[in-house]
């Protein structure tokens, strides 16, 4: 379904992608601060 949406949109300016990425991360950080979710960056190492 996501592939169909992106195909319909066609080329998107990188600046728009970066803007949306910042908005998404802002919302994610708000959710983490509220205790709704727990974020873990991909580059972050973990220990079991």
PDB file of N, CA and C in Angstrom:
ATOM      1  N   UNK A   1       0.825  -1.183   0.000  1.00  0.00           N
ATOM      2  CA  UNK A   1       0.000   0.000   0.000  1.00  0.00           C
ATOM      3  C   UNK A   1       0.872   1.251   0.000  1.00  0.00           C
ATOM      4  N   UNK A   2       1.934   1.255   0.789  1.00  0.00           N
ATOM      5  CA  UNK A   2       2.843   2.395   0.811  1.00  0.00           C
ATOM      6  C   UNK A   2       3.508   2.585  -0.551  1.00  0.00           C
ATOM      7  N   UNK A   3       3.862   1.485  -1.197  1.00  0.00           N
ATOM      8  CA  UNK A   3       4.484   1.576  -2.519  1.00  0.00           C
ATOM      9  C   UNK A   3       3.539   2.207  -3.524  1.00  0.00           C
ATOM     10  N   UNK A   4       2.258   1.895  -3.451  1.00  0.00           N
ATOM     11  CA  UNK A   4       1.274   2.478  -4.360  1.00  0.00           C
ATOM     12  C   UNK A   4       1.159   3.979  -4.135  1.00  0.00           C
ATOM     13  N   UNK A   5       1.194   4.388  -2.882  1.00  0.00           N
ATOM     14  CA  UNK A   5       1.100   5.819  -2.561  1.00  0.00           C
ATOM     15  C   UNK A   5       2.320   6.556  -3.089  1.00  0.00           C
ATOM     16  N   UNK A   6       3.520   6.008  -2.841  1.00  0.00           N
ATOM     17  CA  UNK A   6       4.730   6.683  -3.299  1.00  0.00           C
ATOM     18  C   UNK A   6       4.807   6.720  -4.819  1.00  0.00           C
ATOM     19  N   UNK A   7       4.323   5.696  -5.486  1.00  0.00           N
ATOM     20  CA  UNK A   7       4.303   5.694  -6.947  1.00  0.00           C
ATOM     21  C   UNK A   7       3.374   6.778  -7.471  1.00  0.00           C
ATOM     22  N   UNK A   8       2.253   6.976  -6.800  1.00  0.00           N
ATOM     23  CA  UNK A   8       1.297   8.005  -7.204  1.00  0.00           C
ATOM     24  C   UNK A   8       1.860   9.407  -7.011  1.00  0.00           C
ATOM     25  N   UNK A   9       2.639   9.595  -5.948  1.00  0.00           N
ATOM     26  CA  UNK A   9       3.197  10.914  -5.647  1.00  0.00           C
ATOM     27  C   UNK A   9       4.262  11.336  -6.649  1.00  0.00           C
ATOM     28  N   UNK A  10       5.008  10.374  -7.158  1.00  0.00           N
ATOM     29  CA  UNK A  10       6.095  10.703  -8.066  1.00  0.00           C
ATOM     30  C   UNK A  10       7.265  11.314  -7.308  1.00  0.00           C
ATOM     31  N   UNK A  11       8.154  11.994  -8.039  1.00  0.00           N
ATOM     32  CA  UNK A  11       9.328  12.593  -7.394  1.00  0.00           C
ATOM     33  C   UNK A  11       8.932  13.632  -6.343  1.00  0.00           C
ATOM     34  N   UNK A  12       9.629  13.608  -5.222  1.00  0.00           N
ATOM     35  CA  UNK A  12       9.364  14.542  -4.124  1.00  0.00           C
ATOM     36  C   UNK A  12      10.678  15.256  -3.807  1.00  0.00           C
ATOM     37  N   UNK A  13      10.656  16.581  -3.648  1.00  0.00           N
ATOM     38  CA  UNK A  13      11.886  17.302  -3.316  1.00  0.00           C
ATOM     39  C   UNK A  13      12.476  16.819  -1.988  1.00  0.00           C
ATOM     40  N   UNK A  14      13.795  16.711  -1.953  1.00  0.00           N
ATOM     41  CA  UNK A  14      14.483  16.261  -0.745  1.00  0.00           C
ATOM     42  C   UNK A  14      14.161  17.187   0.424  1.00  0.00           C
ATOM     43  N   UNK A  15      14.025  18.478   0.170  1.00  0.00           N
ATOM     44  CA  UNK A  15      13.709  19.416   1.253  1.00  0.00           C
ATOM     45  C   UNK A  15      12.372  19.072   1.900  1.00  0.00           C
ATOM     46  N   UNK A  16      11.422  18.628   1.111  1.00  0.00           N
ATOM     47  CA  UNK A  16      10.110  18.233   1.646  1.00  0.00           C
ATOM     48  C   UNK A  16      10.244  16.980   2.502  1.00  0.00           C
ATOM     49  N   UNK A  17      11.043  16.037   2.041  1.00  0.00           N
ATOM     50  CA  UNK A  17      11.266  14.803   2.795  1.00  0.00           C
ATOM     51  C   UNK A  17      11.912  15.123   4.139  1.00  0.00           C
ATOM     52  N   UNK A  18      12.920  16.001   4.125  1.00  0.00           N
ATOM     53  CA  UNK A  18      13.590  16.370   5.369  1.00  0.00           C
ATOM     54  C   UNK A  18      12.638  17.091   6.320  1.00  0.00           C
ATOM     55  N   UNK A  19      11.765  17.940   5.784  1.00  0.00           N
ATOM     56  CA  UNK A  19      10.792  18.651   6.614  1.00  0.00           C
ATOM     57  C   UNK A  19       9.847  17.664   7.295  1.00  0.00           C
ATOM     58  N   UNK A  20       9.324  16.725   6.536  1.00  0.00           N
ATOM     59  CA  UNK A  20       8.404  15.723   7.086  1.00  0.00           C
ATOM     60  C   UNK A  20       9.124  14.848   8.110  1.00  0.00           C
ATOM     61  N   UNK A  21      10.377  14.492   7.826  1.00  0.00           N
ATOM     62  CA  UNK A  21      11.156  13.683   8.767  1.00  0.00           C
ATOM     63  C   UNK A  21      11.306  14.418  10.103  1.00  0.00           C
ATOM     64  N   UNK A  22      11.590  15.730  10.058  1.00  0.00           N
ATOM     65  CA  UNK A  22      11.703  16.514  11.295  1.00  0.00           C
ATOM     66  C   UNK A  22      10.376  16.539  12.048  1.00  0.00           C
ATOM     67  N   UNK A  23       9.266  16.681  11.314  1.00  0.00           N
ATOM     68  CA  UNK A  23       7.950  16.693  11.958  1.00  0.00           C
ATOM     69  C   UNK A  23       7.657  15.360  12.637  1.00  0.00           C
ATOM     70  N   UNK A  24       7.953  14.270  11.947  1.00  0.00           N
ATOM     71  CA  UNK A  24       7.717  12.932  12.503  1.00  0.00           C
ATOM     72  C   UNK A  24       8.566  12.723  13.755  1.00  0.00           C
ATOM     73  N   UNK A  25       9.850  13.100  13.697  1.00  0.00           N
ATOM     74  CA  UNK A  25      10.722  12.928  14.860  1.00  0.00           C
ATOM     75  C   UNK A  25      10.270  13.806  16.020  1.00  0.00           C
ATOM     76  N   UNK A  26       9.745  14.981  15.737  1.00  0.00           N
ATOM     77  CA  UNK A  26       9.221  15.841  16.796  1.00  0.00           C
ATOM     78  C   UNK A  26       8.057  15.186  17.510  1.00  0.00           C
ATOM     79  N   UNK A  27       7.156  14.600  16.736  1.00  0.00           N
ATOM     80  CA  UNK A  27       6.007  13.901  17.323  1.00  0.00           C
ATOM     81  C   UNK A  27       6.482  12.687  18.118  1.00  0.00           C
ATOM     82  N   UNK A  28       7.452  11.949  17.560  1.00  0.00           N
ATOM     83  CA  UNK A  28       7.975  10.769  18.254  1.00  0.00           C
ATOM     84  C   UNK A  28       8.617  11.161  19.582  1.00  0.00           C
ATOM     85  N   UNK A  29       9.357  12.264  19.594  1.00  0.00           N
ATOM     86  CA  UNK A  29       9.988  12.713  20.845  1.00  0.00           C
ATOM     87  C   UNK A  29       8.940  13.122  21.872  1.00  0.00           C
ATOM     88  N   UNK A  30       7.888  13.780  21.423  1.00  0.00           N
ATOM     89  CA  UNK A  30       6.799  14.148  22.338  1.00  0.00           C
ATOM     90  C   UNK A  30       6.163  12.902  22.947  1.00  0.00           C
ATOM     91  N   UNK A  31       5.942  11.882  22.122  1.00  0.00           N
ATOM     92  CA  UNK A  31       5.358  10.638  22.617  1.00  0.00           C
ATOM     93  C   UNK A  31       6.293   9.950  23.611  1.00  0.00           C
ATOM     94  N   UNK A  32       7.595  10.012  23.338  1.00  0.00           N
ATOM     95  CA  UNK A  32       8.553   9.401  24.262  1.00  0.00           C
ATOM     96  C   UNK A  32       8.554  10.145  25.594  1.00  0.00           C
ATOM     97  N   UNK A  33       8.550  11.470  25.551  1.00  0.00           N
ATOM     98  CA  UNK A  33       8.534  12.260  26.782  1.00  0.00           C
ATOM     99  C   UNK A  33       7.270  11.999  27.600  1.00  0.00           C
ATOM    100  N   UNK A  34       6.168  11.701  26.917  1.00  0.00           N
ATOM    101  CA  UNK A  34       4.908  11.418  27.603  1.00  0.00           C
ATOM    102  C   UNK A  34       4.845   9.973  28.094  1.00  0.00           C
ATOM    103  N   UNK A  35       5.869   9.173  27.773  1.00  0.00           N
ATOM    104  CA  UNK A  35       5.895   7.784  28.207  1.00  0.00           C
ATOM    105  C   UNK A  35       5.050   6.857  27.357  1.00  0.00           C
ATOM    106  N   UNK A  36       4.618   7.337  26.200  1.00  0.00           N
ATOM    107  CA  UNK A  36       3.769   6.520  25.326  1.00  0.00           C
ATOM    108  C   UNK A  36       4.571   5.517  24.504  1.00  0.00           C
ATOM    109  N   UNK A  37       5.793   5.906  24.124  1.00  0.00           N
ATOM    110  CA  UNK A  37       6.650   5.022  23.334  1.00  0.00           C
ATOM    111  C   UNK A  37       8.068   5.113  23.874  1.00  0.00           C
ATOM    112  N   UNK A  38       8.928   4.181  23.441  1.00  0.00           N
ATOM    113  CA  UNK A  38      10.338   4.215  23.791  1.00  0.00           C
ATOM    114  C   UNK A  38      11.122   4.224  22.487  1.00  0.00           C
ATOM    115  N   UNK A  39      11.962   5.240  22.304  1.00  0.00           N
ATOM    116  CA  UNK A  39      12.744   5.361  21.081  1.00  0.00           C
ATOM    117  C   UNK A  39      14.105   4.712  21.245  1.00  0.00           C
ATOM    118  N   UNK A  40      14.587   4.116  20.155  1.00  0.00           N
ATOM    119  CA  UNK A  40      15.940   3.584  20.108  1.00  0.00           C
ATOM    120  C   UNK A  40      16.460   3.863  18.704  1.00  0.00           C
ATOM    121  N   UNK A  41      17.544   4.611  18.616  1.00  0.00           N
ATOM    122  CA  UNK A  41      18.123   4.918  17.319  1.00  0.00           C
ATOM    123  C   UNK A  41      18.845   3.699  16.781  1.00  0.00           C
ATOM    124  N   UNK A  42      18.842   3.527  15.461  1.00  0.00           N
ATOM    125  CA  UNK A  42      19.480   2.363  14.847  1.00  0.00           C
ATOM    126  C   UNK A  42      20.972   2.294  15.153  1.00  0.00           C
ATOM    127  N   UNK A  43      21.641   3.432  15.205  1.00  0.00           N
ATOM    128  CA  UNK A  43      23.079   3.443  15.441  1.00  0.00           C
ATOM    129  C   UNK A  43      23.426   3.141  16.894  1.00  0.00           C
ATOM    130  N   UNK A  44      22.433   3.167  17.750  1.00  0.00           N
ATOM    131  CA  UNK A  44      22.670   2.946  19.173  1.00  0.00           C
ATOM    132  C   UNK A  44      22.910   1.467  19.456  1.00  0.00           C
ATOM    133  N   UNK A  45      24.001   1.173  20.165  1.00  0.00           N
ATOM    134  CA  UNK A  45      24.290  -0.205  20.535  1.00  0.00           C
ATOM    135  C   UNK A  45      23.458  -0.594  21.742  1.00  0.00           C
ATOM    136  N   UNK A  46      23.117  -1.862  21.832  1.00  0.00           N
ATOM    137  CA  UNK A  46      22.326  -2.349  22.953  1.00  0.00           C
ATOM    138  C   UNK A  46      23.030  -3.535  23.606  1.00  0.00           C
ATOM    139  N   UNK A  47      22.673  -3.794  24.846  1.00  0.00           N
ATOM    140  CA  UNK A  47      23.192  -4.949  25.569  1.00  0.00           C
ATOM    141  C   UNK A  47      22.008  -5.738  26.098  1.00  0.00           C
ATOM    142  N   UNK A  48      22.106  -7.043  26.039  1.00  0.00           N
ATOM    143  CA  UNK A  48      21.025  -7.907  26.515  1.00  0.00           C
ATOM    144  C   UNK A  48      21.351  -8.423  27.896  1.00  0.00           C
TER     145      UNK A  48
END
